[in-house]
Amino acid sequence: MLRLSGITVRYGLREALTDIDIEVKQGELITLIGANGAGKTTCLRTISGLLRPAAGRLEFLGQDVVGKAPHQLLALGMAHVPEGRLLFPEMTVLEHLELGAMRAARGGRSFSDQLERCHNLFPKLLERRSQKAGTLSGGEQQMVAIARGLMSSPKLLMLDEPSLGLAPVVVDSLGDVIHQLHQEGLTVLLVEQRVDLALKLADRGYVLETGRVVLHDRADALLENPMVKQAYLGT
């Protein structure tokens, strides 16, 4: 479904990503792990068209999509839930979900079906549908951000640090939702600071260090890898 081949991204003269090769197959849940500054968010921003690579090929659903704008990629079925949620404080929950559906991928679920799906995943959003996003808790705001992405009927859902700043009980709840989406067959690319959670959810993982992929393996193997355990799991 998604393939990055030799992707290099620069901020001025500094290389943020160097010769990145990543593949995400349909129905997989893939995680990118690494320390702060390793290039994980840059990778997602490049895939979703917010950054243009200096070199390499980026394929989505069999076509080269380098140079396509984010709204074009959204219409193809690629949804990016960014780090920090980036909600509009004065807009209500329902307005955010309506916004997410404006450029829904063709052939996806109807608006009413997708809205019902989001309410089943996040019952609190039905209760809060008329409430402004700026008055919600951090966990509720993250629910809105994920639901907004789902309203576009994505074929690929990219999640950037969904647990950031949230209480452990909320993180566990979001983990359950991500697991459910994966079980339903949705393809997911996950960046997550909780490496243990990410690897328990994922099929495979890529480890990034200073903009390079230094390790790639099945998620269960990475959980037992001595380097990963020492660097990211504290064991």
C-alpha atoms as a PDB file:
ATOM      1  CA  MET A   1       0.000   0.000   0.000  1.00  0.00           C
ATOM      2  CA  LEU A   2       2.769   2.441   0.958  1.00  0.00           C
ATOM      3  CA  ARG A   3       6.419   2.311  -0.030  1.00  0.00           C
ATOM      4  CA  LEU A   4       9.224   4.772   0.681  1.00  0.00           C
ATOM      5  CA  SER A   5      12.353   4.147  -1.387  1.00  0.00           C
ATOM      6  CA  GLY A   6      15.532   6.134  -0.745  1.00  0.00           C
ATOM      7  CA  ILE A   7      13.640   9.071   0.748  1.00  0.00           C
ATOM      8  CA  THR A   8      15.856  11.968   1.821  1.00  0.00           C
ATOM      9  CA  VAL A   9      14.456  15.142   3.404  1.00  0.00           C
ATOM     10  CA  ARG A  10      16.402  18.299   4.177  1.00  0.00           C
ATOM     11  CA  TYR A  11      15.711  21.347   6.310  1.00  0.00           C
ATOM     12  CA  GLY A  12      18.037  23.786   4.589  1.00  0.00           C
ATOM     13  CA  LEU A  13      21.451  22.111   4.585  1.00  0.00           C
ATOM     14  CA  ARG A  14      20.586  19.666   7.373  1.00  0.00           C
ATOM     15  CA  GLU A  15      19.365  16.217   6.440  1.00  0.00           C
ATOM     16  CA  ALA A  16      16.427  15.175   8.607  1.00  0.00           C
ATOM     17  CA  LEU A  17      15.906  11.856   6.790  1.00  0.00           C
ATOM     18  CA  THR A  18      18.570   9.984   4.849  1.00  0.00           C
ATOM     19  CA  ASP A  19      17.862   7.225   2.324  1.00  0.00           C
ATOM     20  CA  ILE A  20      14.756   5.903   4.120  1.00  0.00           C
ATOM     21  CA  ASP A  21      13.189   2.634   2.943  1.00  0.00           C
ATOM     22  CA  ILE A  22       9.861   1.721   4.560  1.00  0.00           C
ATOM     23  CA  GLU A  23       7.031  -0.505   3.373  1.00  0.00           C
ATOM     24  CA  VAL A  24       3.499  -0.762   4.763  1.00  0.00           C
ATOM     25  CA  LYS A  25       1.324  -3.544   3.356  1.00  0.00           C
ATOM     26  CA  GLN A  26      -2.449  -3.441   3.276  1.00  0.00           C
ATOM     27  CA  GLY A  27      -3.971  -4.348   6.631  1.00  0.00           C
ATOM     28  CA  GLU A  28      -0.713  -4.012   8.560  1.00  0.00           C
ATOM     29  CA  LEU A  29      -0.070  -1.928  11.654  1.00  0.00           C
ATOM     30  CA  ILE A  30       3.477  -0.599  11.379  1.00  0.00           C
ATOM     31  CA  THR A  31       5.215   1.485  14.028  1.00  0.00           C
ATOM     32  CA  LEU A  32       8.140   3.892  13.774  1.00  0.00           C
ATOM     33  CA  ILE A  33      10.125   4.150  16.986  1.00  0.00           C
ATOM     34  CA  GLY A  34      13.118   6.214  18.006  1.00  0.00           C
ATOM     35  CA  ALA A  35      14.306   8.982  20.297  1.00  0.00           C
ATOM     36  CA  ASN A  36      13.141  12.591  20.020  1.00  0.00           C
ATOM     37  CA  GLY A  37      14.645  14.106  16.893  1.00  0.00           C
ATOM     38  CA  ALA A  38      15.114  10.752  15.163  1.00  0.00           C
ATOM     39  CA  GLY A  39      12.921  11.815  12.245  1.00  0.00           C
ATOM     40  CA  LYS A  40       9.638  10.031  12.985  1.00  0.00           C
ATOM     41  CA  THR A  41       7.367  13.069  12.672  1.00  0.00           C
ATOM     42  CA  THR A  42       9.316  14.294   9.646  1.00  0.00           C
ATOM     43  CA  CYS A  43       8.671  10.926   8.036  1.00  0.00           C
ATOM     44  CA  LEU A  44       4.900  11.193   8.540  1.00  0.00           C
ATOM     45  CA  ARG A  45       4.849  14.797   7.359  1.00  0.00           C
ATOM     46  CA  THR A  46       6.701  13.756   4.209  1.00  0.00           C
ATOM     47  CA  ILE A  47       4.303  10.901   3.504  1.00  0.00           C
ATOM     48  CA  SER A  48       1.263  13.170   3.907  1.00  0.00           C
ATOM     49  CA  GLY A  49       2.646  15.822   1.564  1.00  0.00           C
ATOM     50  CA  LEU A  50       3.482  18.498   4.140  1.00  0.00           C
ATOM     51  CA  LEU A  51       7.173  18.159   3.266  1.00  0.00           C
ATOM     52  CA  ARG A  52       8.698  17.397  -0.117  1.00  0.00           C
ATOM     53  CA  PRO A  53      11.641  14.981  -0.235  1.00  0.00           C
ATOM     54  CA  ALA A  54      14.927  16.055  -1.800  1.00  0.00           C
ATOM     55  CA  ALA A  55      15.381  12.561  -3.211  1.00  0.00           C
ATOM     56  CA  GLY A  56      13.651   9.204  -3.395  1.00  0.00           C
ATOM     57  CA  ARG A  57      10.317   7.741  -4.403  1.00  0.00           C
ATOM     58  CA  LEU A  58       7.075   7.665  -2.396  1.00  0.00           C
ATOM     59  CA  GLU A  59       4.356   5.311  -3.621  1.00  0.00           C
ATOM     60  CA  PHE A  60       0.805   5.067  -2.312  1.00  0.00           C
ATOM     61  CA  LEU A  61      -1.602   2.534  -3.785  1.00  0.00           C
ATOM     62  CA  GLY A  62       0.827   1.879  -6.619  1.00  0.00           C
ATOM     63  CA  GLN A  63       1.383   5.446  -7.780  1.00  0.00           C
ATOM     64  CA  ASP A  64       4.193   7.910  -7.184  1.00  0.00           C
ATOM     65  CA  VAL A  65       2.690  10.664  -5.031  1.00  0.00           C
ATOM     66  CA  VAL A  66       5.723  12.916  -4.510  1.00  0.00           C
ATOM     67  CA  GLY A  67       4.543  16.475  -5.093  1.00  0.00           C
ATOM     68  CA  LYS A  68       0.870  15.834  -4.378  1.00  0.00           C
ATOM     69  CA  ALA A  69      -0.737  18.239  -1.912  1.00  0.00           C
ATOM     70  CA  PRO A  70      -2.076  16.981   1.432  1.00  0.00           C
ATOM     71  CA  HIS A  71      -5.708  17.441   0.361  1.00  0.00           C
ATOM     72  CA  GLN A  72      -5.056  15.352  -2.753  1.00  0.00           C
ATOM     73  CA  LEU A  73      -3.556  12.559  -0.665  1.00  0.00           C
ATOM     74  CA  LEU A  74      -6.502  12.762   1.722  1.00  0.00           C
ATOM     75  CA  ALA A  75      -8.872  12.258  -1.194  1.00  0.00           C
ATOM     76  CA  LEU A  76      -6.837   9.188  -2.212  1.00  0.00           C
ATOM     77  CA  GLY A  77      -7.386   7.690   1.238  1.00  0.00           C
ATOM     78  CA  MET A  78      -4.455   8.862   3.378  1.00  0.00           C
ATOM     79  CA  ALA A  79      -5.341  10.447   6.744  1.00  0.00           C
ATOM     80  CA  HIS A  80      -2.758  12.010   9.061  1.00  0.00           C
ATOM     81  CA  VAL A  81      -3.616  12.611  12.733  1.00  0.00           C
ATOM     82  CA  PRO A  82      -0.842  15.034  13.746  1.00  0.00           C
ATOM     83  CA  GLU A  83       1.108  15.338  16.949  1.00  0.00           C
ATOM     84  CA  GLY A  84      -0.568  17.831  19.266  1.00  0.00           C
ATOM     85  CA  ARG A  85      -4.032  17.178  17.773  1.00  0.00           C
ATOM     86  CA  LEU A  86      -4.284  20.639  16.096  1.00  0.00           C
ATOM     87  CA  LEU A  87      -7.981  21.171  16.729  1.00  0.00           C
ATOM     88  CA  PHE A  88      -9.876  24.447  16.275  1.00  0.00           C
ATOM     89  CA  PRO A  89     -10.807  25.550  19.831  1.00  0.00           C
ATOM     90  CA  GLU A  90     -14.005  27.386  18.840  1.00  0.00           C
ATOM     91  CA  MET A  91     -15.371  24.583  16.667  1.00  0.00           C
ATOM     92  CA  THR A  92     -17.621  21.929  18.157  1.00  0.00           C
ATOM     93  CA  VAL A  93     -16.933  18.211  18.172  1.00  0.00           C
ATOM     94  CA  LEU A  94     -19.506  17.631  15.431  1.00  0.00           C
ATOM     95  CA  GLU A  95     -18.064  20.420  13.283  1.00  0.00           C
ATOM     96  CA  HIS A  96     -14.637  18.762  13.469  1.00  0.00           C
ATOM     97  CA  LEU A  97     -16.113  15.459  12.321  1.00  0.00           C
ATOM     98  CA  GLU A  98     -17.971  17.193   9.492  1.00  0.00           C
ATOM     99  CA  LEU A  99     -14.695  18.855   8.501  1.00  0.00           C
ATOM    100  CA  GLY A 100     -12.974  15.471   8.419  1.00  0.00           C
ATOM    101  CA  ALA A 101     -15.570  14.157   5.993  1.00  0.00           C
ATOM    102  CA  MET A 102     -15.329  17.049   3.515  1.00  0.00           C
ATOM    103  CA  ARG A 103     -12.691  15.351   1.335  1.00  0.00           C
ATOM    104  CA  ALA A 104     -13.557  11.751   2.136  1.00  0.00           C
ATOM    105  CA  ALA A 105     -11.988   9.129  -0.100  1.00  0.00           C
ATOM    106  CA  ARG A 106     -14.258   7.815  -2.830  1.00  0.00           C
ATOM    107  CA  GLY A 107     -15.867   4.473  -2.209  1.00  0.00           C
ATOM    108  CA  GLY A 108     -15.746   4.849   1.566  1.00  0.00           C
ATOM    109  CA  ARG A 109     -18.555   4.651   4.078  1.00  0.00           C
ATOM    110  CA  SER A 110     -21.392   7.155   4.013  1.00  0.00           C
ATOM    111  CA  PHE A 111     -21.235  10.140   6.354  1.00  0.00           C
ATOM    112  CA  SER A 112     -23.895   8.679   8.663  1.00  0.00           C
ATOM    113  CA  ASP A 113     -22.205   5.267   8.794  1.00  0.00           C
ATOM    114  CA  GLN A 114     -18.811   6.791   9.514  1.00  0.00           C
ATOM    115  CA  LEU A 115     -20.291   9.076  12.161  1.00  0.00           C
ATOM    116  CA  GLU A 116     -21.946   6.101  13.851  1.00  0.00           C
ATOM    117  CA  ARG A 117     -18.657   4.216  13.725  1.00  0.00           C
ATOM    118  CA  CYS A 118     -16.825   7.085  15.434  1.00  0.00           C
ATOM    119  CA  HIS A 119     -19.498   7.341  18.119  1.00  0.00           C
ATOM    120  CA  ASN A 120     -19.233   3.599  18.739  1.00  0.00           C
ATOM    121  CA  LEU A 121     -15.469   3.871  19.074  1.00  0.00           C
ATOM    122  CA  PHE A 122     -15.648   7.021  21.200  1.00  0.00           C
ATOM    123  CA  PRO A 123     -19.048   7.227  22.965  1.00  0.00           C
ATOM    124  CA  LYS A 124     -18.011  10.447  24.717  1.00  0.00           C
ATOM    125  CA  LEU A 125     -17.989  12.263  21.389  1.00  0.00           C
ATOM    126  CA  LEU A 126     -21.720  11.723  21.049  1.00  0.00           C
ATOM    127  CA  GLU A 127     -22.224  13.244  24.491  1.00  0.00           C
ATOM    128  CA  ARG A 128     -19.907  16.150  23.635  1.00  0.00           C
ATOM    129  CA  ARG A 129     -21.049  16.685  20.019  1.00  0.00           C
ATOM    130  CA  SER A 130     -22.157  20.291  20.654  1.00  0.00           C
ATOM    131  CA  GLN A 131     -19.220  21.185  22.913  1.00  0.00           C
ATOM    132  CA  LYS A 132     -16.353  23.355  21.675  1.00  0.00           C
ATOM    133  CA  ALA A 133     -13.072  21.475  21.265  1.00  0.00           C
ATOM    134  CA  GLY A 134     -11.166  23.982  23.368  1.00  0.00           C
ATOM    135  CA  THR A 135     -13.199  23.041  26.442  1.00  0.00           C
ATOM    136  CA  LEU A 136     -12.499  19.290  26.196  1.00  0.00           C
ATOM    137  CA  SER A 137      -9.959  17.327  28.202  1.00  0.00           C
ATOM    138  CA  GLY A 138      -6.742  16.232  26.517  1.00  0.00           C
ATOM    139  CA  GLY A 139      -8.019  12.702  26.100  1.00  0.00           C
ATOM    140  CA  GLU A 140     -11.291  13.877  24.589  1.00  0.00           C
ATOM    141  CA  GLN A 141      -9.419  16.155  22.202  1.00  0.00           C
ATOM    142  CA  GLN A 142      -7.334  13.210  21.026  1.00  0.00           C
ATOM    143  CA  MET A 143     -10.538  11.237  20.430  1.00  0.00           C
ATOM    144  CA  VAL A 144     -11.801  14.110  18.257  1.00  0.00           C
ATOM    145  CA  ALA A 145      -8.527  14.214  16.314  1.00  0.00           C
ATOM    146  CA  ILE A 146      -8.616  10.481  15.568  1.00  0.00           C
ATOM    147  CA  ALA A 147     -12.320  10.552  14.743  1.00  0.00           C
ATOM    148  CA  ARG A 148     -11.771  13.503  12.397  1.00  0.00           C
ATOM    149  CA  GLY A 149      -9.219  11.385  10.545  1.00  0.00           C
ATOM    150  CA  LEU A 150     -11.549   8.399  10.414  1.00  0.00           C
ATOM    151  CA  MET A 151     -14.369  10.515   8.985  1.00  0.00           C
ATOM    152  CA  SER A 152     -12.374  10.781   5.741  1.00  0.00           C
ATOM    153  CA  SER A 153     -12.800   7.006   5.205  1.00  0.00           C
ATOM    154  CA  PRO A 154      -9.035   6.438   5.057  1.00  0.00           C
ATOM    155  CA  LYS A 155      -7.307   3.447   3.550  1.00  0.00           C
ATOM    156  CA  LEU A 156      -4.197   4.412   5.558  1.00  0.00           C
ATOM    157  CA  LEU A 157      -4.411   6.078   8.973  1.00  0.00           C
ATOM    158  CA  MET A 158      -1.232   7.715  10.302  1.00  0.00           C
ATOM    159  CA  LEU A 159      -1.119   8.505  14.013  1.00  0.00           C
ATOM    160  CA  ASP A 160       1.618  10.747  15.421  1.00  0.00           C
ATOM    161  CA  GLU A 161       2.137  10.403  19.186  1.00  0.00           C
ATOM    162  CA  PRO A 162      -1.521   9.755  20.112  1.00  0.00           C
ATOM    163  CA  SER A 163      -0.677   9.153  23.793  1.00  0.00           C
ATOM    164  CA  LEU A 164       1.337  12.353  24.276  1.00  0.00           C
ATOM    165  CA  GLY A 165       0.415  14.102  27.522  1.00  0.00           C
ATOM    166  CA  LEU A 166      -2.435  11.756  28.396  1.00  0.00           C
ATOM    167  CA  ALA A 167      -3.177   9.845  31.597  1.00  0.00           C
ATOM    168  CA  PRO A 168      -2.320   6.111  31.566  1.00  0.00           C
ATOM    169  CA  VAL A 169      -5.974   5.037  31.703  1.00  0.00           C
ATOM    170  CA  VAL A 170      -6.729   7.166  28.626  1.00  0.00           C
ATOM    171  CA  VAL A 171      -3.671   5.781  26.840  1.00  0.00           C
ATOM    172  CA  ASP A 172      -4.888   2.234  27.469  1.00  0.00           C
ATOM    173  CA  SER A 173      -8.311   3.148  26.078  1.00  0.00           C
ATOM    174  CA  LEU A 174      -6.781   4.644  22.920  1.00  0.00           C
ATOM    175  CA  GLY A 175      -4.625   1.554  22.562  1.00  0.00           C
ATOM    176  CA  ASP A 176      -7.769  -0.566  22.574  1.00  0.00           C
ATOM    177  CA  VAL A 177      -9.290   1.595  19.826  1.00  0.00           C
ATOM    178  CA  ILE A 178      -6.154   1.364  17.664  1.00  0.00           C
ATOM    179  CA  HIS A 179      -6.132  -2.414  18.149  1.00  0.00           C
ATOM    180  CA  GLN A 180      -9.803  -2.594  17.144  1.00  0.00           C
ATOM    181  CA  LEU A 181      -9.191  -0.551  13.987  1.00  0.00           C
ATOM    182  CA  HIS A 182      -6.334  -2.878  13.070  1.00  0.00           C
ATOM    183  CA  GLN A 183      -8.498  -5.932  13.681  1.00  0.00           C
ATOM    184  CA  GLU A 184     -11.119  -4.438  11.363  1.00  0.00           C
ATOM    185  CA  GLY A 185      -8.505  -4.368   8.606  1.00  0.00           C
ATOM    186  CA  LEU A 186      -7.530  -0.696   8.576  1.00  0.00           C
ATOM    187  CA  THR A 187      -3.903  -0.082   7.636  1.00  0.00           C
ATOM    188  CA  VAL A 188      -2.168   1.984  10.335  1.00  0.00           C
ATOM    189  CA  LEU A 189       1.219   3.708  10.540  1.00  0.00           C
ATOM    190  CA  LEU A 190       1.895   4.614  14.169  1.00  0.00           C
ATOM    191  CA  VAL A 191       4.457   6.893  15.806  1.00  0.00           C
ATOM    192  CA  GLU A 192       4.253   6.462  19.556  1.00  0.00           C
ATOM    193  CA  GLN A 193       6.440   7.542  22.498  1.00  0.00           C
ATOM    194  CA  ARG A 194       5.256   4.513  24.486  1.00  0.00           C
ATOM    195  CA  VAL A 195       7.489   2.021  22.691  1.00  0.00           C
ATOM    196  CA  ASP A 196       6.172  -0.933  24.685  1.00  0.00           C
ATOM    197  CA  LEU A 197       2.589  -0.100  23.686  1.00  0.00           C
ATOM    198  CA  ALA A 198       3.527   0.534  20.053  1.00  0.00           C
ATOM    199  CA  LEU A 199       5.303  -2.794  19.675  1.00  0.00           C
ATOM    200  CA  LYS A 200       2.486  -4.699  21.377  1.00  0.00           C
ATOM    201  CA  LEU A 201       0.010  -3.212  18.896  1.00  0.00           C
ATOM    202  CA  ALA A 202       2.148  -3.484  15.760  1.00  0.00           C
ATOM    203  CA  ASP A 203       2.906  -6.244  13.282  1.00  0.00           C
ATOM    204  CA  ARG A 204       6.317  -4.824  12.378  1.00  0.00           C
ATOM    205  CA  GLY A 205       8.467  -1.904  13.433  1.00  0.00           C
ATOM    206  CA  TYR A 206      11.221   0.349  12.121  1.00  0.00           C
ATOM    207  CA  VAL A 207      13.776   1.929  14.463  1.00  0.00           C
ATOM    208  CA  LEU A 208      15.009   5.374  13.418  1.00  0.00           C
ATOM    209  CA  GLU A 209      18.167   7.067  14.670  1.00  0.00           C
ATOM    210  CA  THR A 210      19.265  10.500  13.426  1.00  0.00           C
ATOM    211  CA  GLY A 211      17.143  10.218  10.318  1.00  0.00           C
ATOM    212  CA  ARG A 212      18.126   6.692   9.300  1.00  0.00           C
ATOM    213  CA  VAL A 213      16.455   3.298   9.639  1.00  0.00           C
ATOM    214  CA  VAL A 214      18.868   1.277  11.777  1.00  0.00           C
ATOM    215  CA  LEU A 215      16.669  -1.724  12.504  1.00  0.00           C
ATOM    216  CA  HIS A 216      13.573  -3.352  11.057  1.00  0.00           C
ATOM    217  CA  ASP A 217      11.884  -6.504  12.328  1.00  0.00           C
ATOM    218  CA  ARG A 218       8.675  -8.091  13.528  1.00  0.00           C
ATOM    219  CA  ALA A 219       7.274  -6.225  16.519  1.00  0.00           C
ATOM    220  CA  ASP A 220       7.574  -9.229  18.841  1.00  0.00           C
ATOM    221  CA  ALA A 221      11.232  -9.647  17.866  1.00  0.00           C
ATOM    222  CA  LEU A 222      11.936  -5.956  18.497  1.00  0.00           C
ATOM    223  CA  LEU A 223      10.399  -6.284  21.964  1.00  0.00           C
ATOM    224  CA  GLU A 224      13.046  -8.904  22.745  1.00  0.00           C
ATOM    225  CA  ASN A 225      15.909  -7.156  20.937  1.00  0.00           C
ATOM    226  CA  PRO A 226      18.655  -6.196  23.455  1.00  0.00           C
ATOM    227  CA  MET A 227      19.329  -2.852  21.767  1.00  0.00           C
ATOM    228  CA  VAL A 228      15.655  -1.882  21.799  1.00  0.00           C
ATOM    229  CA  LYS A 229      15.179  -3.074  25.367  1.00  0.00           C
ATOM    230  CA  GLN A 230      18.141  -1.052  26.614  1.00  0.00           C
ATOM    231  CA  ALA A 231      17.493   2.106  24.593  1.00  0.00           C
ATOM    232  CA  TYR A 232      13.704   2.367  24.702  1.00  0.00           C
ATOM    233  CA  LEU A 233      12.253  -0.033  27.259  1.00  0.00           C
ATOM    234  CA  GLY A 234      14.629   0.604  30.170  1.00  0.00           C
ATOM    235  CA  THR A 235      15.459  -3.074  30.657  1.00  0.00           C
END
